[in-house]
N, C-alpha and C. Protein backbone atom coordinates (compact mmCIF):
# COMPACT_ATOMS: atom_id res chain seq x y z
N MET A 1 25.49 181.59 -33.65
CA MET A 1 25.22 181.52 -32.08
C MET A 1 25.07 179.47 -32.06
N ARG A 2 25.02 179.12 -32.83
CA ARG A 2 24.88 177.83 -33.10
C ARG A 2 26.28 177.53 -32.71
N LYS A 3 26.77 177.87 -33.91
CA LYS A 3 28.39 177.48 -33.02
C LYS A 3 29.42 177.81 -31.82
N ARG A 4 28.93 179.11 -31.41
CA ARG A 4 28.83 178.86 -29.93
C ARG A 4 28.18 177.69 -29.21
N ILE A 5 27.02 177.46 -28.90
CA ILE A 5 26.84 176.50 -28.16
C ILE A 5 27.32 175.49 -29.02
N THR A 6 27.72 175.26 -29.76
CA THR A 6 28.31 173.88 -29.81
C THR A 6 29.37 173.32 -29.41
N ARG A 7 30.78 175.04 -29.34
CA ARG A 7 31.28 175.02 -28.79
C ARG A 7 31.36 174.49 -26.93
N ILE A 8 30.23 174.94 -26.96
CA ILE A 8 30.33 174.94 -25.20
C ILE A 8 29.70 173.95 -24.80
N ALA A 9 29.98 172.81 -25.77
CA ALA A 9 28.61 171.09 -25.15
C ALA A 9 29.96 170.63 -25.63
N VAL A 10 30.75 170.73 -26.58
CA VAL A 10 32.30 170.53 -26.68
C VAL A 10 33.26 170.04 -24.97
N VAL A 11 33.24 171.80 -25.41
CA VAL A 11 33.71 171.64 -23.79
C VAL A 11 33.02 171.34 -22.36
N CYS A 12 31.85 170.82 -22.76
CA CYS A 12 31.49 170.51 -21.06
C CYS A 12 31.13 168.68 -21.49
N VAL A 13 31.31 168.61 -22.45
CA VAL A 13 31.75 167.37 -22.61
C VAL A 13 32.63 166.89 -22.00
N VAL A 14 34.14 167.39 -22.73
CA VAL A 14 35.69 166.74 -22.58
C VAL A 14 35.72 167.09 -20.88
N ALA A 15 34.83 168.11 -20.36
CA ALA A 15 34.96 168.36 -19.45
C ALA A 15 34.90 167.07 -17.92
N VAL A 16 33.61 166.43 -18.47
CA VAL A 16 32.97 165.02 -18.13
C VAL A 16 34.18 164.16 -18.06
N VAL A 17 34.39 164.22 -19.17
CA VAL A 17 35.18 163.23 -19.21
C VAL A 17 36.93 162.57 -18.70
N ILE A 18 37.79 164.44 -18.29
CA ILE A 18 38.27 164.57 -17.64
C ILE A 18 38.15 164.30 -16.65
N GLY A 19 36.98 165.02 -15.89
CA GLY A 19 36.74 164.70 -14.48
C GLY A 19 36.17 162.90 -13.97
N GLY A 20 36.12 162.81 -15.15
CA GLY A 20 35.68 160.28 -15.78
C GLY A 20 36.82 160.36 -14.57
N LEU A 21 37.76 160.48 -15.74
CA LEU A 21 39.00 160.32 -15.82
C LEU A 21 39.95 159.94 -14.49
N ALA A 22 39.68 161.69 -13.77
CA ALA A 22 40.52 162.05 -12.80
C ALA A 22 39.55 161.02 -11.21
N LEU A 23 39.18 160.73 -11.27
CA LEU A 23 37.54 160.38 -10.54
C LEU A 23 38.67 158.33 -10.60
N ALA A 24 38.83 158.12 -11.46
CA ALA A 24 39.03 156.49 -12.15
C ALA A 24 40.25 156.51 -11.02
N GLN A 25 41.17 157.43 -11.53
CA GLN A 25 42.76 157.11 -10.74
C GLN A 25 42.09 157.27 -9.60
N GLN A 26 42.10 158.15 -8.60
CA GLN A 26 41.44 157.87 -7.11
C GLN A 26 41.87 156.92 -6.46
N GLN A 27 40.11 156.18 -7.06
CA GLN A 27 39.30 155.42 -7.10
C GLN A 27 40.66 153.87 -7.51
N GLN A 28 41.37 153.81 -8.14
CA GLN A 28 42.85 153.10 -8.68
C GLN A 28 43.61 152.90 -7.09
N ARG A 29 44.28 154.49 -7.51
CA ARG A 29 45.11 154.57 -6.09
C ARG A 29 44.70 154.10 -4.72
N GLY A 30 42.45 154.55 -4.68
CA GLY A 30 42.47 154.23 -2.99
C GLY A 30 42.71 152.26 -2.76
N ALA A 31 42.36 151.94 -3.66
CA ALA A 31 42.43 150.31 -4.17
C ALA A 31 43.43 149.63 -4.01
N GLN A 32 44.59 150.27 -4.34
CA GLN A 32 46.46 149.73 -4.36
C GLN A 32 46.48 149.97 -2.87
N GLN A 33 46.43 151.34 -2.21
CA GLN A 33 46.73 151.76 -0.99
C GLN A 33 46.28 150.93 -0.25
N GLY A 34 44.66 150.53 -0.38
CA GLY A 34 43.94 148.95 0.83
C GLY A 34 44.68 147.79 0.59
N ARG A 35 44.96 147.63 -0.90
CA ARG A 35 45.75 146.33 -1.00
C ARG A 35 46.84 146.37 0.21
N GLY A 36 47.54 146.80 -0.45
CA GLY A 36 48.50 147.01 0.76
C GLY A 36 48.72 147.41 1.37
N ALA A 37 47.38 148.16 2.50
CA ALA A 37 47.58 148.12 3.73
C ALA A 37 47.27 146.65 4.48
N ARG A 38 46.53 145.32 3.88
CA ARG A 38 46.29 144.76 4.17
C ARG A 38 47.48 143.89 3.84
N GLN A 39 48.37 143.92 2.94
CA GLN A 39 49.31 143.02 2.90
C GLN A 39 50.58 143.24 3.75
N GLY A 40 50.00 144.59 4.74
CA GLY A 40 50.71 144.95 5.23
C GLY A 40 50.64 144.10 6.49
N VAL A 41 49.20 144.32 6.73
CA VAL A 41 48.72 143.51 8.43
C VAL A 41 48.76 141.80 8.17
N GLY A 42 48.35 141.09 7.74
CA GLY A 42 48.74 140.38 6.83
C GLY A 42 50.54 139.29 7.35
N GLN A 43 51.23 140.25 6.65
CA GLN A 43 52.20 140.13 6.72
C GLN A 43 52.99 140.41 8.00
N GLY A 44 51.72 141.27 8.90
CA GLY A 44 52.49 141.28 10.26
C GLY A 44 52.37 140.74 11.62
N ALA A 45 51.05 139.77 10.92
CA ALA A 45 50.04 138.76 11.53
C ALA A 45 51.60 137.55 11.42
N GLY A 46 51.49 137.10 10.38
CA GLY A 46 51.90 135.83 9.91
C GLY A 46 53.66 135.96 10.63
N GLY A 47 54.16 137.05 10.61
CA GLY A 47 55.34 137.45 11.03
C GLY A 47 55.08 136.92 12.68
N GLN A 48 53.90 137.00 13.60
CA GLN A 48 53.73 137.09 14.82
C GLN A 48 53.75 135.55 15.17
N ARG A 49 52.87 135.00 13.77
CA ARG A 49 52.63 133.94 14.57
C ARG A 49 53.67 133.03 14.15
N GLY A 50 54.18 132.89 12.77
CA GLY A 50 56.19 132.65 12.46
C GLY A 50 57.11 132.18 14.51
N MET A 51 56.62 133.25 14.33
CA MET A 51 57.51 133.55 15.84
C MET A 51 56.88 132.72 17.20
N GLY A 52 55.64 132.73 17.36
CA GLY A 52 54.43 131.59 18.19
C GLY A 52 55.16 129.87 17.81
N MET A 53 54.81 129.60 15.98
CA MET A 53 55.10 128.27 15.88
C MET A 53 56.23 128.20 16.49
N ARG A 54 57.27 128.53 16.35
CA ARG A 54 59.26 128.23 16.77
C ARG A 54 59.10 126.99 18.24
N ASP A 55 59.52 125.57 18.15
CA ASP A 55 59.73 125.06 19.43
C ASP A 55 60.85 125.89 20.48
N PRO A 56 60.96 125.01 21.08
CA PRO A 56 61.69 125.92 22.70
C PRO A 56 62.59 125.54 21.83
N ALA A 57 63.39 124.12 21.26
CA ALA A 57 65.01 124.79 20.76
C ALA A 57 65.42 125.27 19.86
N GLN A 58 64.69 126.19 19.29
CA GLN A 58 64.62 126.55 18.20
C GLN A 58 65.22 128.24 18.72
N MET A 59 64.13 128.54 20.09
CA MET A 59 63.92 129.89 20.90
C MET A 59 65.24 129.64 21.25
N GLN A 60 65.62 128.89 21.85
CA GLN A 60 66.83 128.33 23.13
C GLN A 60 68.41 129.11 22.12
N ALA A 61 68.36 128.47 20.87
CA ALA A 61 69.31 128.44 19.95
C ALA A 61 69.59 129.73 19.56
N MET A 62 68.53 130.13 19.05
CA MET A 62 68.83 131.60 18.61
C MET A 62 69.30 133.47 20.53
N MET A 63 68.81 132.69 21.59
CA MET A 63 68.89 133.33 22.86
C MET A 63 70.17 132.87 22.99
N LEU A 64 70.90 131.70 23.14
CA LEU A 64 72.08 131.36 22.62
C LEU A 64 73.69 132.36 22.00
N GLU A 65 72.62 132.31 20.84
CA GLU A 65 73.40 132.88 19.42
C GLU A 65 73.01 134.51 20.43
N ARG A 66 72.64 135.02 20.71
CA ARG A 66 73.05 136.44 21.45
C ARG A 66 73.49 136.45 22.52
N LEU A 67 73.64 135.45 23.37
CA LEU A 67 74.39 136.17 24.64
C LEU A 67 76.23 135.62 24.47
N GLN A 68 76.60 135.18 23.70
CA GLN A 68 77.85 135.03 23.95
C GLN A 68 78.14 136.51 23.47
N PRO A 69 78.06 137.33 22.72
CA PRO A 69 78.64 138.92 22.41
C PRO A 69 78.43 139.76 23.65
N GLN A 70 77.20 138.70 24.00
CA GLN A 70 76.22 140.11 25.82
C GLN A 70 77.34 140.17 26.45
N LEU A 71 77.66 138.71 26.21
CA LEU A 71 78.49 138.80 27.76
C LEU A 71 79.90 138.49 27.35
N GLY A 72 80.32 139.44 26.40
CA GLY A 72 81.57 139.78 26.12
C GLY A 72 82.64 137.93 26.63
N ALA A 73 81.97 136.70 25.91
CA ALA A 73 82.88 135.94 26.47
C ALA A 73 83.48 135.23 25.15
N SER A 74 85.15 134.80 25.28
CA SER A 74 85.35 134.47 24.50
C SER A 74 85.85 132.39 24.08
N ASP A 75 85.39 132.58 22.96
CA ASP A 75 85.32 131.32 22.51
C ASP A 75 85.73 130.50 23.47
N THR A 76 86.78 130.16 24.05
CA THR A 76 87.37 129.42 24.46
C THR A 76 86.56 128.99 25.92
N GLN A 77 86.19 130.58 26.23
CA GLN A 77 84.86 130.41 28.12
C GLN A 77 83.49 130.12 27.33
N TRP A 78 83.45 130.40 26.02
CA TRP A 78 82.03 130.28 25.63
C TRP A 78 81.69 128.66 25.41
N ASN A 79 83.03 127.54 25.07
CA ASN A 79 82.82 126.81 25.24
C ASN A 79 82.80 125.81 26.37
N THR A 80 82.36 126.25 27.09
CA THR A 80 82.31 125.99 28.79
C THR A 80 80.83 126.77 29.20
N LEU A 81 80.63 127.68 29.26
CA LEU A 81 79.84 128.28 29.23
C LEU A 81 78.07 127.69 28.33
N LYS A 82 78.44 127.47 28.09
CA LYS A 82 77.15 127.31 26.20
C LYS A 82 76.67 125.91 26.86
N PRO A 83 77.32 124.87 27.17
CA PRO A 83 76.22 123.62 27.81
C PRO A 83 75.91 123.50 29.79
N ARG A 84 76.13 124.31 30.42
CA ARG A 84 76.02 125.16 30.88
C ARG A 84 74.76 125.79 30.88
N LEU A 85 74.46 126.93 29.75
CA LEU A 85 73.14 127.61 29.57
C LEU A 85 72.17 126.84 29.13
N GLN A 86 72.76 127.00 27.95
CA GLN A 86 71.55 125.07 28.13
C GLN A 86 70.46 124.53 29.25
N LYS A 87 71.89 123.98 29.79
CA LYS A 87 70.77 122.51 30.87
C LYS A 87 70.27 123.81 31.87
N VAL A 88 70.57 124.71 32.34
CA VAL A 88 69.63 125.15 32.62
C VAL A 88 68.48 126.69 32.57
N MET A 89 68.73 126.55 30.71
CA MET A 89 67.60 127.28 30.10
C MET A 89 66.31 125.31 30.16
N GLU A 90 67.04 124.66 30.09
CA GLU A 90 65.82 123.32 29.95
C GLU A 90 65.07 123.66 30.90
N LEU A 91 66.56 123.73 32.45
CA LEU A 91 65.93 123.36 32.90
C LEU A 91 64.40 124.47 34.38
N ASN A 92 65.28 125.70 33.64
CA ASN A 92 64.19 126.59 34.16
C ASN A 92 62.52 126.98 33.08
N ARG A 93 62.86 125.75 32.12
CA ARG A 93 61.44 125.95 31.04
C ARG A 93 60.98 124.58 32.26
N GLN A 94 61.27 123.71 32.76
CA GLN A 94 60.91 122.15 33.26
C GLN A 94 59.74 122.77 33.70
N ALA A 95 60.77 123.96 35.45
CA ALA A 95 60.32 124.12 36.50
C ALA A 95 59.52 125.46 36.26
N SER A 96 58.46 125.54 34.71
CA SER A 96 57.90 126.82 34.42
C SER A 96 56.26 125.90 34.31
N SER A 97 56.77 124.69 33.38
CA SER A 97 55.67 124.76 32.23
C SER A 97 53.98 123.73 33.14
N VAL A 98 54.15 123.58 34.81
CA VAL A 98 52.93 124.05 35.03
C VAL A 98 52.13 124.15 34.44
N GLY A 99 50.88 123.16 33.91
CA GLY A 99 49.77 124.13 33.67
C GLY A 99 49.52 124.13 32.11
N ARG A 100 50.67 123.85 31.48
CA ARG A 100 50.48 123.59 29.88
C ARG A 100 49.70 123.25 29.24
N PHE A 101 49.70 122.45 29.42
CA PHE A 101 48.71 121.06 29.47
C PHE A 101 47.35 121.25 29.03
N GLY A 102 46.71 121.36 28.46
CA GLY A 102 44.92 120.83 28.82
C GLY A 102 44.43 119.84 28.15
N GLY A 103 43.69 119.26 29.10
CA GLY A 103 42.77 118.27 29.42
C GLY A 103 42.40 118.15 28.02
N PRO A 104 40.95 116.37 27.97
CA PRO A 104 40.85 116.36 26.84
C PRO A 104 39.63 117.63 26.30
N GLY A 105 39.84 117.90 24.79
CA GLY A 105 38.98 119.10 24.59
C GLY A 105 39.07 120.17 25.14
N ARG A 106 39.74 120.38 25.96
CA ARG A 106 40.57 122.12 26.32
C ARG A 106 41.62 122.67 25.22
N GLY A 107 41.72 123.93 25.47
CA GLY A 107 42.83 124.34 25.04
C GLY A 107 44.00 124.78 26.22
N GLY A 108 43.79 125.20 26.25
CA GLY A 108 44.43 124.65 28.42
C GLY A 108 44.22 124.41 29.56
N MET A 109 44.49 124.85 31.20
CA MET A 109 44.07 124.46 32.14
C MET A 109 42.75 125.23 32.57
N PHE A 110 41.58 124.34 32.57
CA PHE A 110 40.58 124.23 32.66
C PHE A 110 40.60 124.84 31.56
N GLY A 111 40.20 125.12 30.17
CA GLY A 111 39.76 125.58 29.35
C GLY A 111 39.93 127.20 29.54
N GLY A 112 41.42 126.97 29.61
CA GLY A 112 42.01 128.60 29.29
C GLY A 112 42.46 128.56 28.43
N PRO A 113 42.83 130.02 27.45
CA PRO A 113 43.81 129.55 25.68
C PRO A 113 44.60 128.19 25.69
N GLY A 114 45.01 128.19 24.67
CA GLY A 114 45.94 126.88 24.75
C GLY A 114 46.62 127.56 24.10
N ARG A 115 47.99 126.69 23.89
CA ARG A 115 49.37 127.65 22.97
C ARG A 115 49.67 127.86 21.96
N GLN A 116 48.60 127.34 21.35
CA GLN A 116 48.38 127.73 20.10
C GLN A 116 47.29 128.30 19.40
N GLY A 117 47.12 128.44 18.10
CA GLY A 117 45.61 128.87 17.79
C GLY A 117 46.44 130.97 18.21
N GLY A 118 45.30 131.75 17.37
CA GLY A 118 45.05 132.72 18.03
C GLY A 118 44.15 133.36 16.45
N PRO A 119 44.09 134.85 16.36
CA PRO A 119 43.19 135.11 15.38
C PRO A 119 43.95 134.91 13.88
N GLY A 120 42.73 134.52 13.45
CA GLY A 120 43.68 134.70 12.12
C GLY A 120 44.04 133.36 11.38
N GLN A 121 44.31 132.40 12.60
CA GLN A 121 45.57 130.84 12.29
C GLN A 121 44.47 130.23 11.73
N GLY A 122 44.49 129.67 10.83
CA GLY A 122 43.65 129.03 9.60
C GLY A 122 43.09 129.24 9.36
N ARG A 123 42.97 130.18 8.65
CA ARG A 123 42.35 130.81 7.31
C ARG A 123 44.39 131.40 6.69
N GLY A 124 43.51 131.07 4.80
CA GLY A 124 44.39 132.15 4.33
C GLY A 124 45.69 131.11 3.49
N GLN A 125 46.36 130.43 5.20
CA GLN A 125 47.19 129.33 4.88
C GLN A 125 47.94 128.64 5.64
N GLN A 126 48.18 127.10 5.57
CA GLN A 126 48.37 126.22 6.00
C GLN A 126 49.38 126.58 7.36
N GLN A 127 49.46 126.39 8.55
CA GLN A 127 49.89 126.24 9.37
C GLN A 127 50.96 124.72 10.09
N PRO A 128 52.51 125.90 10.00
CA PRO A 128 53.13 123.62 9.66
C PRO A 128 52.34 123.24 10.86
N ALA A 129 52.84 122.55 11.55
CA ALA A 129 52.75 121.54 12.51
C ALA A 129 53.28 121.37 13.08
N PRO A 130 52.98 121.33 14.93
CA PRO A 130 54.12 121.87 15.86
C PRO A 130 54.87 120.89 15.80
N GLN A 131 55.86 121.02 16.47
CA GLN A 131 57.34 120.14 16.18
C GLN A 131 57.02 119.28 18.40
N GLU A 132 57.04 118.17 17.72
CA GLU A 132 56.69 117.52 19.50
C GLU A 132 58.31 117.43 20.24
N ARG A 133 58.04 117.23 21.09
CA ARG A 133 59.23 116.74 21.38
C ARG A 133 58.92 116.06 22.96
N VAL A 134 59.47 115.47 23.80
CA VAL A 134 59.71 114.73 24.41
C VAL A 134 59.45 115.66 25.49
N LEU A 135 57.97 114.40 26.62
CA LEU A 135 57.74 114.94 27.88
C LEU A 135 58.88 114.81 29.19
N THR A 136 58.71 115.88 30.19
CA THR A 136 58.92 116.11 30.68
C THR A 136 58.62 115.22 32.18
N ALA A 137 58.93 114.96 33.13
CA ALA A 137 58.70 114.30 34.77
C ALA A 137 57.64 115.21 34.98
N VAL A 138 58.08 116.35 34.34
CA VAL A 138 57.26 117.39 35.10
C VAL A 138 56.02 117.42 34.16
N ASP A 139 56.17 117.31 32.98
CA ASP A 139 54.85 116.85 32.22
C ASP A 139 53.68 116.30 32.19
N LYS A 140 54.93 114.99 32.51
CA LYS A 140 53.47 114.01 32.53
C LYS A 140 52.87 113.70 34.02
N ALA A 141 53.81 114.97 34.99
CA ALA A 141 52.70 114.68 36.19
C ALA A 141 51.46 116.07 35.84
N THR A 142 51.73 116.82 34.76
CA THR A 142 50.85 117.76 34.66
C THR A 142 49.76 117.12 34.08
N GLN A 143 50.09 116.56 32.67
CA GLN A 143 48.75 115.93 32.01
C GLN A 143 47.84 115.40 33.27
N GLU A 144 48.29 114.13 33.50
CA GLU A 144 48.32 113.17 34.32
C GLU A 144 46.96 114.15 35.17
N LEU A 145 47.39 114.98 36.12
CA LEU A 145 46.54 115.32 37.08
C LEU A 145 45.43 115.86 36.39
N GLN A 146 45.56 116.96 35.09
CA GLN A 146 44.68 117.55 34.58
C GLN A 146 43.63 116.27 33.66
N THR A 147 43.80 115.58 33.00
CA THR A 147 43.98 114.51 33.22
C THR A 147 42.22 113.48 34.03
N LEU A 148 42.91 113.70 35.09
CA LEU A 148 42.17 113.42 36.27
C LEU A 148 41.13 114.36 36.07
N LEU A 149 41.33 115.43 36.68
CA LEU A 149 40.19 116.36 37.37
C LEU A 149 39.38 116.72 36.30
N GLY A 150 39.58 116.07 34.64
CA GLY A 150 38.24 116.17 33.53
C GLY A 150 37.64 114.70 34.40
N ASN A 151 38.01 113.95 34.96
CA ASN A 151 37.22 112.31 35.41
C ASN A 151 35.56 112.77 36.57
N GLN A 152 34.66 113.21 35.98
CA GLN A 152 33.78 112.80 37.19
C GLN A 152 33.77 111.75 38.30
N ALA A 153 34.09 110.55 38.03
CA ALA A 153 34.37 110.35 39.07
C ALA A 153 36.04 109.92 39.79
N ALA A 154 36.58 110.98 39.54
CA ALA A 154 38.02 110.95 40.34
C ALA A 154 37.76 110.04 41.52
N THR A 155 38.61 110.42 42.77
CA THR A 155 38.17 110.30 43.94
C THR A 155 39.70 111.28 44.63
N ALA A 156 39.32 111.80 45.99
CA ALA A 156 39.86 112.86 46.70
C ALA A 156 41.70 112.09 46.87
N ASP A 157 41.08 110.52 46.69
CA ASP A 157 42.83 109.88 46.45
C ASP A 157 43.59 110.12 45.19
N GLN A 158 42.71 109.50 44.74
CA GLN A 158 43.44 110.22 43.53
C GLN A 158 44.00 111.07 43.06
N ILE A 159 43.50 111.82 43.44
CA ILE A 159 43.75 113.28 43.27
C ILE A 159 44.88 113.46 44.26
N LYS A 160 44.32 113.15 44.90
CA LYS A 160 45.82 113.34 45.83
C LYS A 160 47.09 112.90 45.42
N ALA A 161 47.34 111.94 45.04
CA ALA A 161 48.15 111.02 44.75
C ALA A 161 49.36 111.60 43.23
N LYS A 162 48.13 112.28 42.51
CA LYS A 162 48.78 112.59 41.13
C LYS A 162 49.61 114.53 41.52
N LEU A 163 48.39 114.79 42.74
CA LEU A 163 49.04 116.15 42.90
C LEU A 163 50.40 116.20 43.75
N THR A 164 50.33 114.79 44.23
CA THR A 164 51.89 114.70 45.22
C THR A 164 52.76 114.00 44.29
N ALA A 165 52.72 113.72 43.28
CA ALA A 165 53.83 113.62 42.26
C ALA A 165 54.05 114.52 41.83
N LEU A 166 53.25 115.42 41.44
CA LEU A 166 53.27 117.13 39.84
C LEU A 166 54.23 117.56 41.51
N ARG A 167 54.03 117.37 42.72
CA ARG A 167 55.29 118.24 43.30
C ARG A 167 56.79 117.71 43.37
N GLN A 168 56.55 116.82 43.51
CA GLN A 168 57.83 115.16 43.19
C GLN A 168 58.46 115.81 42.65
N ALA A 169 57.56 116.19 41.20
CA ALA A 169 58.88 116.43 39.74
C ALA A 169 59.13 117.45 40.06
N THR A 170 57.59 118.45 40.08
CA THR A 170 58.60 120.07 40.48
C THR A 170 60.07 120.31 41.52
N GLU A 171 59.84 119.91 42.60
CA GLU A 171 60.87 119.80 43.06
C GLU A 171 62.04 119.36 42.74
N LYS A 172 62.22 117.52 42.10
CA LYS A 172 63.28 117.86 41.84
C LYS A 172 63.94 118.20 40.77
N VAL A 173 63.06 118.99 39.98
CA VAL A 173 63.74 120.04 39.24
C VAL A 173 64.08 121.35 39.21
N LYS A 174 63.53 121.78 40.31
CA LYS A 174 64.30 122.42 41.17
C LYS A 174 65.46 122.26 41.99
N GLN A 175 65.81 121.92 42.07
CA GLN A 175 66.93 121.11 42.71
C GLN A 175 68.41 120.86 41.50
N ASP A 176 67.54 120.01 40.93
CA ASP A 176 68.53 120.10 39.82
C ASP A 176 68.91 121.84 39.29
N LEU A 177 68.04 122.64 39.20
CA LEU A 177 68.41 123.46 38.27
C LEU A 177 68.96 124.32 39.83
N ALA A 178 68.95 124.44 40.44
CA ALA A 178 70.09 125.03 41.85
C ALA A 178 71.42 124.42 41.85
N LYS A 179 71.76 123.19 40.82
CA LYS A 179 73.22 122.49 40.97
C LYS A 179 73.29 123.07 39.47
N ALA A 180 72.06 123.65 38.77
CA ALA A 180 72.81 123.53 37.74
C ALA A 180 73.31 125.26 37.15
N GLN A 181 72.50 125.65 38.36
CA GLN A 181 72.99 127.36 38.30
C GLN A 181 74.44 127.57 38.58
N THR A 182 74.12 126.97 40.59
CA THR A 182 75.59 127.35 40.90
C THR A 182 76.72 126.77 40.21
N GLU A 183 77.22 125.57 39.75
CA GLU A 183 77.65 125.07 37.71
C GLU A 183 78.11 126.11 37.17
N LEU A 184 77.03 127.14 36.78
CA LEU A 184 76.56 128.28 35.46
C LEU A 184 77.39 129.02 36.49
N LYS A 185 77.86 128.97 37.63
CA LYS A 185 78.46 129.67 38.10
C LYS A 185 80.43 130.88 38.59
N GLN A 186 80.70 129.18 38.27
CA GLN A 186 81.59 129.18 38.19
C GLN A 186 82.85 129.68 36.96
N GLY A 187 83.87 130.07 37.18
CA GLY A 187 84.35 130.53 35.92
C GLY A 187 83.33 132.53 35.57
N LEU A 188 82.52 132.25 36.18
CA LEU A 188 82.20 133.93 35.53
C LEU A 188 82.79 135.10 36.06
N SER A 189 82.84 135.97 35.47
CA SER A 189 83.26 137.55 36.22
C SER A 189 82.21 137.81 36.58
N VAL A 190 82.38 138.31 37.85
CA VAL A 190 81.03 139.33 38.32
C VAL A 190 80.11 140.28 37.17
N LYS A 191 80.44 140.81 36.28
CA LYS A 191 79.72 141.63 35.08
C LYS A 191 78.91 140.52 34.40
N GLN A 192 79.93 139.75 34.43
CA GLN A 192 79.68 138.42 33.55
C GLN A 192 77.59 137.69 34.53
N GLU A 193 78.29 137.71 36.30
CA GLU A 193 77.50 137.36 36.79
C GLU A 193 76.19 137.58 37.19
N ALA A 194 76.61 139.28 37.04
CA ALA A 194 74.95 140.17 37.48
C ALA A 194 74.21 140.10 36.18
N MET A 195 75.17 140.16 34.79
CA MET A 195 73.81 139.74 34.31
C MET A 195 73.28 138.74 33.53
N LEU A 196 73.78 138.38 34.34
CA LEU A 196 72.76 136.43 33.51
C LEU A 196 71.71 136.96 35.15
N VAL A 197 71.94 137.30 36.51
CA VAL A 197 71.07 137.14 37.18
C VAL A 197 69.83 138.27 36.31
N LEU A 198 70.30 139.43 36.05
CA LEU A 198 69.24 140.27 35.21
C LEU A 198 68.64 139.63 34.28
N MET A 199 68.39 138.42 33.73
CA MET A 199 68.34 137.83 32.67
C MET A 199 67.07 136.71 33.18
N GLY A 200 67.93 136.85 34.44
CA GLY A 200 66.92 135.16 35.23
C GLY A 200 67.64 133.90 35.12
N TYR A 201 68.70 133.57 35.14
CA TYR A 201 69.60 132.95 34.22
C TYR A 201 70.07 132.08 35.60
N LEU A 202 69.90 133.11 36.46
CA LEU A 202 70.73 132.70 38.19
C LEU A 202 69.59 133.58 38.95
N ASN A 203 70.18 133.53 40.30
CA ASN A 203 69.66 133.99 41.53
C ASN A 203 70.18 135.09 42.24
């Protein structure tokens, strides 16, 4: 009888040990999966932030790299098209840059979200400093108007003058863009022209 009880006790102890080991393995696998999921999310967010930190020159270079095969342009034709496309891209950016700059203490126009930052930015790892670029006439006029609007002592005449300057700078860019688009059309096939219209580089 005692031997039987002893055997039962041993079996129970073994069962408890095996159950504990199985539970520990499950917890370890769960922890590893959790770490893997967190790392995946972090890498995804990091990749998005990396894209967000690209400066306009980098983005332009990437787009131009893809455009030659998309347009089916030969190297000879591309030598002519590339500088024309670069000019159109830059003028397009300038024409749409109104409102990108925030006034003192603001992230964007009148307290809107800034161009940099986002959930999780600044935590975990240090973000690279944005590369400075030369401000265009539209950029400067936009900044001056926004700064003036943040000044409670600004008069209506002062605001009107800055607004007029911004409109004039924007109109000048639009005129230059129209000329650049006309130059870009020269030497294009009908198919290439249609593709560039769909891409937004031509009207």
